[in-house]
Amino acid sequence: MYRVLRGVTDVVSGYTGGDTPDPSYESVCTGRTGHAEAIAVTFDPEVIPAGVILDVFFTLHDPTQLNRQGADVGTQYRSAMFYADDEQKQLFEKARTRAAEWWGEGIVTTIQPLGEYFVAEDYHQDFFAKNPGQGYCMAVALPKVNKIRKSYAQYILP
């Protein structure tokens, strides 16, 4: 969903935050790896500010749900942000504080150090773009994309 934003140069789906080396989607889905489904977003801060990237994160999902996103339940669906350095940690904390202005004080998003990041299988990369007619994409992802297009119109690709 980040790919609709100007300045975003790469989005890589993966897994992080757990202790199982080289997990697969199937193993992460068990909830026993400790990993969360995650994305790594690369962007040009001269085109789109880091704060906007982070605000989009809080727009795309419900950060008040503990260990779930909609019908998807388990620690692998937790709301989490993984930082690479102290500067990122501070940016993430500020974004979570901003998000509380519209979500309220019930945000459960964790902010923790980035451990090893494992790239997800090829079929998870650009899933929405590759599967626009799939049920999940139509019912769950498309409304989120439309919300981003409306809320961040000045950053949407032509």
N, C-alpha and C. Protein backbone atom coordinates (compact mmCIF):
# COMPACT_ATOMS: atom_id res chain seq x y z
N MET A 1 0.81 -1.19 0.00
CA MET A 1 0.00 0.00 0.00
C MET A 1 0.86 1.26 0.00
N TYR A 2 2.07 1.12 0.49
CA TYR A 2 3.00 2.26 0.47
C TYR A 2 3.43 2.60 -0.95
N ARG A 3 3.31 1.66 -1.86
CA ARG A 3 3.78 1.90 -3.23
C ARG A 3 2.99 2.98 -3.96
N VAL A 4 1.84 3.39 -3.45
CA VAL A 4 1.07 4.45 -4.09
C VAL A 4 1.62 5.83 -3.72
N LEU A 5 2.60 5.88 -2.83
CA LEU A 5 3.13 7.16 -2.35
C LEU A 5 4.39 7.58 -3.10
N ARG A 6 4.41 8.85 -3.51
CA ARG A 6 5.60 9.42 -4.13
C ARG A 6 6.75 9.34 -3.13
N GLY A 7 7.92 9.02 -3.62
CA GLY A 7 9.10 8.98 -2.77
C GLY A 7 9.39 7.61 -2.17
N VAL A 8 8.42 6.71 -2.19
CA VAL A 8 8.67 5.35 -1.70
C VAL A 8 9.38 4.59 -2.81
N THR A 9 10.56 4.09 -2.52
CA THR A 9 11.36 3.42 -3.54
C THR A 9 11.37 1.90 -3.42
N ASP A 10 11.01 1.39 -2.22
CA ASP A 10 10.97 -0.06 -2.06
C ASP A 10 10.13 -0.42 -0.84
N VAL A 11 9.44 -1.53 -0.95
CA VAL A 11 8.66 -2.09 0.16
C VAL A 11 8.92 -3.59 0.14
N VAL A 12 9.46 -4.11 1.23
CA VAL A 12 9.80 -5.53 1.30
C VAL A 12 9.05 -6.16 2.46
N SER A 13 8.20 -7.13 2.15
CA SER A 13 7.48 -7.87 3.18
C SER A 13 8.42 -8.86 3.84
N GLY A 14 8.23 -9.04 5.15
CA GLY A 14 9.08 -9.99 5.86
C GLY A 14 8.59 -10.27 7.26
N TYR A 15 9.50 -10.80 8.06
CA TYR A 15 9.20 -11.20 9.43
C TYR A 15 10.35 -10.76 10.33
N THR A 16 10.01 -10.29 11.53
CA THR A 16 11.03 -9.90 12.50
C THR A 16 10.43 -9.90 13.89
N GLY A 17 11.29 -9.77 14.88
CA GLY A 17 10.83 -9.65 16.25
C GLY A 17 10.78 -10.96 17.01
N GLY A 18 11.17 -12.06 16.36
CA GLY A 18 11.12 -13.36 17.02
C GLY A 18 12.48 -13.97 17.20
N ASP A 19 12.48 -15.25 17.50
CA ASP A 19 13.74 -15.92 17.76
C ASP A 19 13.97 -17.15 16.89
N THR A 20 13.10 -17.38 15.93
CA THR A 20 13.26 -18.52 15.03
C THR A 20 14.03 -18.07 13.79
N PRO A 21 15.16 -18.71 13.49
CA PRO A 21 15.92 -18.31 12.30
C PRO A 21 15.20 -18.72 11.01
N ASP A 22 15.27 -17.82 10.03
CA ASP A 22 14.75 -18.07 8.69
C ASP A 22 13.34 -18.66 8.68
N PRO A 23 12.37 -17.95 9.28
CA PRO A 23 11.02 -18.48 9.33
C PRO A 23 10.32 -18.44 7.98
N SER A 24 9.34 -19.31 7.82
CA SER A 24 8.48 -19.30 6.63
C SER A 24 7.14 -18.68 7.04
N TYR A 25 6.34 -18.33 6.05
CA TYR A 25 5.00 -17.81 6.34
C TYR A 25 4.22 -18.81 7.18
N GLU A 26 4.30 -20.06 6.80
CA GLU A 26 3.55 -21.09 7.51
C GLU A 26 3.99 -21.18 8.97
N SER A 27 5.29 -21.09 9.24
CA SER A 27 5.75 -21.17 10.63
C SER A 27 5.37 -19.92 11.41
N VAL A 28 5.43 -18.75 10.78
CA VAL A 28 5.04 -17.51 11.46
C VAL A 28 3.55 -17.57 11.81
N CYS A 29 2.74 -18.13 10.92
CA CYS A 29 1.29 -18.22 11.16
C CYS A 29 0.94 -19.07 12.37
N THR A 30 1.83 -19.92 12.81
CA THR A 30 1.54 -20.73 14.00
C THR A 30 1.56 -19.90 15.27
N GLY A 31 2.24 -18.74 15.22
CA GLY A 31 2.37 -17.90 16.39
C GLY A 31 3.47 -18.36 17.33
N ARG A 32 4.21 -19.39 16.94
CA ARG A 32 5.24 -19.94 17.84
C ARG A 32 6.66 -19.45 17.52
N THR A 33 6.83 -18.66 16.48
CA THR A 33 8.17 -18.19 16.13
C THR A 33 8.55 -16.92 16.87
N GLY A 34 7.55 -16.21 17.38
CA GLY A 34 7.79 -14.92 18.01
C GLY A 34 7.85 -13.77 17.01
N HIS A 35 7.89 -14.10 15.73
CA HIS A 35 7.99 -13.06 14.70
C HIS A 35 6.64 -12.40 14.43
N ALA A 36 6.71 -11.18 13.95
CA ALA A 36 5.55 -10.45 13.46
C ALA A 36 5.69 -10.30 11.95
N GLU A 37 4.57 -10.30 11.26
CA GLU A 37 4.60 -9.93 9.85
C GLU A 37 4.95 -8.45 9.80
N ALA A 38 5.86 -8.08 8.92
CA ALA A 38 6.36 -6.71 8.89
C ALA A 38 6.67 -6.29 7.46
N ILE A 39 6.89 -5.00 7.29
CA ILE A 39 7.39 -4.49 6.01
C ILE A 39 8.54 -3.55 6.30
N ALA A 40 9.50 -3.53 5.38
CA ALA A 40 10.61 -2.58 5.42
C ALA A 40 10.34 -1.59 4.29
N VAL A 41 10.21 -0.32 4.63
CA VAL A 41 9.90 0.71 3.64
C VAL A 41 11.13 1.57 3.42
N THR A 42 11.54 1.69 2.17
CA THR A 42 12.64 2.58 1.80
C THR A 42 12.02 3.76 1.05
N PHE A 43 12.45 4.97 1.42
CA PHE A 43 11.84 6.16 0.83
C PHE A 43 12.86 7.29 0.78
N ASP A 44 12.54 8.28 -0.04
CA ASP A 44 13.38 9.47 -0.18
C ASP A 44 12.80 10.56 0.72
N PRO A 45 13.46 10.91 1.82
CA PRO A 45 12.92 11.91 2.73
C PRO A 45 12.85 13.32 2.14
N GLU A 46 13.48 13.52 0.99
CA GLU A 46 13.35 14.81 0.30
C GLU A 46 12.01 14.90 -0.42
N VAL A 47 11.37 13.75 -0.66
CA VAL A 47 10.10 13.70 -1.36
C VAL A 47 8.93 13.49 -0.39
N ILE A 48 9.12 12.61 0.57
CA ILE A 48 8.08 12.31 1.55
C ILE A 48 8.75 12.21 2.93
N PRO A 49 8.29 12.99 3.88
CA PRO A 49 8.92 12.98 5.21
C PRO A 49 8.69 11.66 5.94
N ALA A 50 9.64 11.32 6.80
CA ALA A 50 9.52 10.11 7.62
C ALA A 50 8.25 10.14 8.45
N GLY A 51 7.88 11.29 8.94
CA GLY A 51 6.65 11.40 9.74
C GLY A 51 5.42 10.98 8.98
N VAL A 52 5.37 11.28 7.68
CA VAL A 52 4.23 10.86 6.87
C VAL A 52 4.24 9.34 6.70
N ILE A 53 5.39 8.76 6.44
CA ILE A 53 5.49 7.30 6.33
C ILE A 53 4.96 6.66 7.60
N LEU A 54 5.33 7.18 8.75
CA LEU A 54 4.90 6.61 10.02
C LEU A 54 3.42 6.87 10.30
N ASP A 55 2.93 8.04 9.91
CA ASP A 55 1.50 8.32 10.09
C ASP A 55 0.65 7.39 9.21
N VAL A 56 1.16 7.07 8.03
CA VAL A 56 0.46 6.11 7.17
C VAL A 56 0.37 4.76 7.87
N PHE A 57 1.44 4.34 8.53
CA PHE A 57 1.42 3.09 9.29
C PHE A 57 0.25 3.08 10.27
N PHE A 58 0.06 4.17 10.99
CA PHE A 58 -1.02 4.22 11.97
C PHE A 58 -2.40 4.42 11.33
N THR A 59 -2.42 4.77 10.06
CA THR A 59 -3.68 4.89 9.33
C THR A 59 -4.09 3.54 8.73
N LEU A 60 -3.10 2.73 8.39
CA LEU A 60 -3.37 1.46 7.69
C LEU A 60 -3.91 0.35 8.58
N HIS A 61 -3.72 0.45 9.87
CA HIS A 61 -4.18 -0.62 10.75
C HIS A 61 -4.71 -0.03 12.05
N ASP A 62 -5.32 -0.87 12.85
CA ASP A 62 -5.86 -0.44 14.14
C ASP A 62 -4.84 -0.76 15.23
N PRO A 63 -4.13 0.25 15.72
CA PRO A 63 -3.08 0.01 16.72
C PRO A 63 -3.62 -0.18 18.13
N THR A 64 -4.93 -0.28 18.27
CA THR A 64 -5.53 -0.50 19.59
C THR A 64 -5.90 -1.97 19.81
N GLN A 65 -5.71 -2.79 18.79
CA GLN A 65 -6.04 -4.21 18.91
C GLN A 65 -4.79 -4.99 19.32
N LEU A 66 -4.87 -5.69 20.44
CA LEU A 66 -3.73 -6.46 20.92
C LEU A 66 -3.67 -7.81 20.21
N ASN A 67 -2.54 -8.04 19.55
CA ASN A 67 -2.29 -9.33 18.88
C ASN A 67 -3.37 -9.72 17.88
N ARG A 68 -3.79 -8.74 17.11
CA ARG A 68 -4.76 -9.03 16.05
C ARG A 68 -4.88 -7.83 15.12
N GLN A 69 -5.35 -8.11 13.92
CA GLN A 69 -5.77 -7.09 12.98
C GLN A 69 -7.01 -7.64 12.29
N GLY A 70 -8.16 -7.11 12.67
CA GLY A 70 -9.41 -7.61 12.12
C GLY A 70 -9.60 -9.07 12.47
N ALA A 71 -9.82 -9.89 11.43
CA ALA A 71 -10.05 -11.32 11.64
C ALA A 71 -8.75 -12.09 11.87
N ASP A 72 -7.60 -11.47 11.62
CA ASP A 72 -6.31 -12.13 11.81
C ASP A 72 -5.90 -12.00 13.27
N VAL A 73 -5.74 -13.14 13.94
CA VAL A 73 -5.47 -13.16 15.37
C VAL A 73 -4.17 -13.91 15.66
N GLY A 74 -3.36 -13.36 16.55
CA GLY A 74 -2.12 -14.00 16.97
C GLY A 74 -1.03 -12.97 17.14
N THR A 75 0.02 -13.33 17.84
CA THR A 75 1.12 -12.39 18.08
C THR A 75 1.80 -11.98 16.79
N GLN A 76 1.69 -12.79 15.74
CA GLN A 76 2.30 -12.43 14.46
C GLN A 76 1.60 -11.23 13.81
N TYR A 77 0.43 -10.87 14.32
CA TYR A 77 -0.32 -9.72 13.79
C TYR A 77 -0.28 -8.53 14.76
N ARG A 78 0.63 -8.58 15.73
CA ARG A 78 0.71 -7.48 16.70
C ARG A 78 1.11 -6.19 16.01
N SER A 79 0.72 -5.09 16.61
CA SER A 79 1.11 -3.77 16.12
C SER A 79 2.48 -3.47 16.72
N ALA A 80 3.49 -3.42 15.87
CA ALA A 80 4.85 -3.23 16.36
C ALA A 80 5.67 -2.42 15.37
N MET A 81 6.63 -1.69 15.91
CA MET A 81 7.58 -0.93 15.11
C MET A 81 8.98 -1.34 15.57
N PHE A 82 9.86 -1.61 14.63
CA PHE A 82 11.19 -2.10 14.93
C PHE A 82 12.22 -1.08 14.45
N TYR A 83 12.96 -0.50 15.38
CA TYR A 83 13.89 0.58 15.03
C TYR A 83 15.32 0.08 14.90
N ALA A 84 16.05 0.74 13.99
CA ALA A 84 17.44 0.39 13.72
C ALA A 84 18.42 1.21 14.56
N ASP A 85 18.00 2.39 15.02
CA ASP A 85 18.89 3.25 15.80
C ASP A 85 18.07 4.18 16.69
N ASP A 86 18.74 4.95 17.53
CA ASP A 86 18.04 5.83 18.47
C ASP A 86 17.22 6.91 17.77
N GLU A 87 17.71 7.39 16.63
CA GLU A 87 16.96 8.40 15.88
C GLU A 87 15.63 7.83 15.41
N GLN A 88 15.65 6.62 14.87
CA GLN A 88 14.39 5.98 14.46
C GLN A 88 13.48 5.75 15.66
N LYS A 89 14.05 5.32 16.76
CA LYS A 89 13.23 5.08 17.95
C LYS A 89 12.48 6.34 18.35
N GLN A 90 13.18 7.48 18.34
CA GLN A 90 12.54 8.75 18.69
C GLN A 90 11.44 9.12 17.69
N LEU A 91 11.71 8.91 16.39
CA LEU A 91 10.69 9.17 15.37
C LEU A 91 9.46 8.30 15.59
N PHE A 92 9.68 7.02 15.91
CA PHE A 92 8.57 6.09 16.14
C PHE A 92 7.76 6.51 17.36
N GLU A 93 8.44 6.92 18.43
CA GLU A 93 7.74 7.35 19.65
C GLU A 93 6.89 8.59 19.38
N LYS A 94 7.42 9.53 18.60
CA LYS A 94 6.65 10.74 18.25
C LYS A 94 5.44 10.38 17.40
N ALA A 95 5.61 9.44 16.48
CA ALA A 95 4.49 9.02 15.62
C ALA A 95 3.41 8.34 16.46
N ARG A 96 3.81 7.51 17.41
CA ARG A 96 2.83 6.85 18.28
C ARG A 96 2.08 7.89 19.11
N THR A 97 2.78 8.91 19.56
CA THR A 97 2.12 9.99 20.32
C THR A 97 1.13 10.73 19.43
N ARG A 98 1.51 11.04 18.17
CA ARG A 98 0.59 11.69 17.24
C ARG A 98 -0.64 10.81 17.00
N ALA A 99 -0.40 9.53 16.84
CA ALA A 99 -1.51 8.60 16.56
C ALA A 99 -2.52 8.59 17.70
N ALA A 100 -2.05 8.79 18.92
CA ALA A 100 -2.96 8.81 20.07
C ALA A 100 -3.95 9.97 19.98
N GLU A 101 -3.61 11.00 19.20
CA GLU A 101 -4.53 12.12 19.03
C GLU A 101 -5.80 11.70 18.32
N TRP A 102 -5.72 10.70 17.42
CA TRP A 102 -6.94 10.26 16.72
C TRP A 102 -7.40 8.87 17.13
N TRP A 103 -6.51 8.06 17.72
CA TRP A 103 -6.91 6.73 18.18
C TRP A 103 -7.26 6.70 19.66
N GLY A 104 -6.84 7.71 20.40
CA GLY A 104 -7.04 7.70 21.85
C GLY A 104 -5.85 7.07 22.56
N GLU A 105 -6.00 6.86 23.82
CA GLU A 105 -4.90 6.38 24.65
C GLU A 105 -4.75 4.87 24.66
N GLY A 106 -5.54 4.15 23.90
CA GLY A 106 -5.50 2.69 23.94
C GLY A 106 -4.54 2.04 22.97
N ILE A 107 -3.56 2.77 22.48
CA ILE A 107 -2.61 2.22 21.50
C ILE A 107 -1.72 1.17 22.18
N VAL A 108 -1.61 0.00 21.55
CA VAL A 108 -0.80 -1.09 22.08
C VAL A 108 0.47 -1.33 21.26
N THR A 109 0.73 -0.48 20.29
CA THR A 109 1.90 -0.62 19.42
C THR A 109 3.18 -0.63 20.24
N THR A 110 3.97 -1.68 20.05
CA THR A 110 5.27 -1.75 20.72
C THR A 110 6.33 -1.13 19.82
N ILE A 111 7.35 -0.60 20.46
CA ILE A 111 8.51 -0.05 19.76
C ILE A 111 9.72 -0.78 20.34
N GLN A 112 10.38 -1.55 19.47
CA GLN A 112 11.48 -2.38 19.96
C GLN A 112 12.62 -2.41 18.96
N PRO A 113 13.81 -2.78 19.42
CA PRO A 113 14.96 -2.82 18.52
C PRO A 113 14.74 -3.83 17.38
N LEU A 114 15.22 -3.46 16.22
CA LEU A 114 15.15 -4.34 15.05
C LEU A 114 16.20 -5.43 15.21
N GLY A 115 15.74 -6.65 15.20
CA GLY A 115 16.66 -7.78 15.17
C GLY A 115 16.89 -8.14 13.71
N GLU A 116 17.11 -9.39 13.46
CA GLU A 116 17.29 -9.82 12.07
C GLU A 116 15.96 -9.75 11.34
N TYR A 117 16.03 -9.26 10.11
CA TYR A 117 14.83 -9.13 9.27
C TYR A 117 14.89 -10.23 8.21
N PHE A 118 13.85 -11.03 8.15
CA PHE A 118 13.79 -12.13 7.19
C PHE A 118 12.80 -11.78 6.09
N VAL A 119 13.27 -11.77 4.87
CA VAL A 119 12.43 -11.43 3.72
C VAL A 119 11.41 -12.55 3.50
N ALA A 120 10.17 -12.15 3.32
CA ALA A 120 9.08 -13.12 3.09
C ALA A 120 9.20 -13.73 1.69
N GLU A 121 8.47 -14.78 1.50
CA GLU A 121 8.44 -15.48 0.22
C GLU A 121 8.00 -14.55 -0.90
N ASP A 122 8.40 -14.89 -2.13
CA ASP A 122 8.09 -14.04 -3.29
C ASP A 122 6.59 -13.76 -3.42
N TYR A 123 5.75 -14.74 -3.13
CA TYR A 123 4.32 -14.53 -3.33
C TYR A 123 3.73 -13.51 -2.34
N HIS A 124 4.49 -13.13 -1.29
CA HIS A 124 4.03 -12.09 -0.37
C HIS A 124 4.46 -10.69 -0.82
N GLN A 125 5.43 -10.60 -1.69
CA GLN A 125 5.92 -9.30 -2.14
C GLN A 125 4.89 -8.69 -3.10
N ASP A 126 4.53 -7.44 -2.87
CA ASP A 126 3.55 -6.73 -3.71
C ASP A 126 2.25 -7.52 -3.83
N PHE A 127 1.82 -8.12 -2.74
CA PHE A 127 0.65 -9.00 -2.76
C PHE A 127 -0.58 -8.31 -3.32
N PHE A 128 -0.86 -7.09 -2.87
CA PHE A 128 -2.05 -6.37 -3.33
C PHE A 128 -1.99 -6.13 -4.84
N ALA A 129 -0.85 -5.68 -5.33
CA ALA A 129 -0.71 -5.41 -6.77
C ALA A 129 -0.85 -6.68 -7.61
N LYS A 130 -0.36 -7.79 -7.08
CA LYS A 130 -0.42 -9.06 -7.82
C LYS A 130 -1.78 -9.74 -7.74
N ASN A 131 -2.59 -9.38 -6.74
CA ASN A 131 -3.85 -10.09 -6.48
C ASN A 131 -5.02 -9.14 -6.24
N PRO A 132 -5.23 -8.16 -7.12
CA PRO A 132 -6.25 -7.16 -6.83
C PRO A 132 -7.67 -7.72 -6.72
N GLY A 133 -7.95 -8.84 -7.36
CA GLY A 133 -9.29 -9.41 -7.31
C GLY A 133 -9.49 -10.43 -6.20
N GLN A 134 -8.44 -10.73 -5.46
CA GLN A 134 -8.52 -11.70 -4.37
C GLN A 134 -9.44 -11.15 -3.27
N GLY A 135 -10.18 -12.02 -2.61
CA GLY A 135 -11.16 -11.61 -1.61
C GLY A 135 -10.61 -10.69 -0.54
N TYR A 136 -9.48 -11.07 0.06
CA TYR A 136 -8.87 -10.24 1.10
C TYR A 136 -8.51 -8.86 0.55
N CYS A 137 -7.96 -8.84 -0.64
CA CYS A 137 -7.55 -7.56 -1.23
C CYS A 137 -8.76 -6.65 -1.47
N MET A 138 -9.84 -7.23 -1.96
CA MET A 138 -11.05 -6.45 -2.24
C MET A 138 -11.72 -5.96 -0.95
N ALA A 139 -11.83 -6.85 0.04
CA ALA A 139 -12.59 -6.53 1.25
C ALA A 139 -11.79 -5.77 2.29
N VAL A 140 -10.49 -6.04 2.40
CA VAL A 140 -9.69 -5.45 3.47
C VAL A 140 -8.67 -4.43 2.95
N ALA A 141 -7.88 -4.83 1.98
CA ALA A 141 -6.79 -3.97 1.52
C ALA A 141 -7.27 -2.76 0.71
N LEU A 142 -8.20 -2.97 -0.22
CA LEU A 142 -8.65 -1.86 -1.08
C LEU A 142 -9.21 -0.69 -0.27
N PRO A 143 -10.06 -0.92 0.73
CA PRO A 143 -10.52 0.22 1.52
C PRO A 143 -9.37 0.97 2.21
N LYS A 144 -8.33 0.24 2.62
CA LYS A 144 -7.19 0.90 3.24
C LYS A 144 -6.43 1.74 2.22
N VAL A 145 -6.24 1.21 1.03
CA VAL A 145 -5.57 1.97 -0.02
C VAL A 145 -6.37 3.23 -0.34
N ASN A 146 -7.67 3.10 -0.43
CA ASN A 146 -8.52 4.27 -0.72
C ASN A 146 -8.44 5.30 0.40
N LYS A 147 -8.35 4.84 1.64
CA LYS A 147 -8.21 5.75 2.77
C LYS A 147 -6.89 6.52 2.68
N ILE A 148 -5.82 5.83 2.30
CA ILE A 148 -4.52 6.48 2.15
C ILE A 148 -4.57 7.49 1.01
N ARG A 149 -5.18 7.10 -0.10
CA ARG A 149 -5.29 8.02 -1.24
C ARG A 149 -6.01 9.30 -0.85
N LYS A 150 -7.04 9.17 -0.03
CA LYS A 150 -7.80 10.34 0.40
C LYS A 150 -7.04 11.16 1.45
N SER A 151 -6.50 10.49 2.46
CA SER A 151 -5.86 11.17 3.58
C SER A 151 -4.51 11.80 3.22
N TYR A 152 -3.81 11.21 2.24
CA TYR A 152 -2.47 11.68 1.89
C TYR A 152 -2.39 12.01 0.40
N ALA A 153 -3.42 12.65 -0.10
CA ALA A 153 -3.54 12.92 -1.54
C ALA A 153 -2.32 13.64 -2.10
N GLN A 154 -1.72 14.54 -1.33
CA GLN A 154 -0.58 15.31 -1.85
C GLN A 154 0.65 14.44 -2.09
N TYR A 155 0.66 13.20 -1.56
CA TYR A 155 1.80 12.30 -1.73
C TYR A 155 1.52 11.14 -2.68
N ILE A 156 0.33 11.10 -3.25
CA ILE A 156 -0.04 9.98 -4.12
C ILE A 156 0.59 10.13 -5.50
N LEU A 157 1.08 9.01 -6.01
CA LEU A 157 1.62 9.01 -7.38
C LEU A 157 0.52 9.32 -8.38
N PRO A 158 0.89 10.02 -9.46
CA PRO A 158 -0.12 10.33 -10.48
C PRO A 158 -0.59 9.08 -11.20
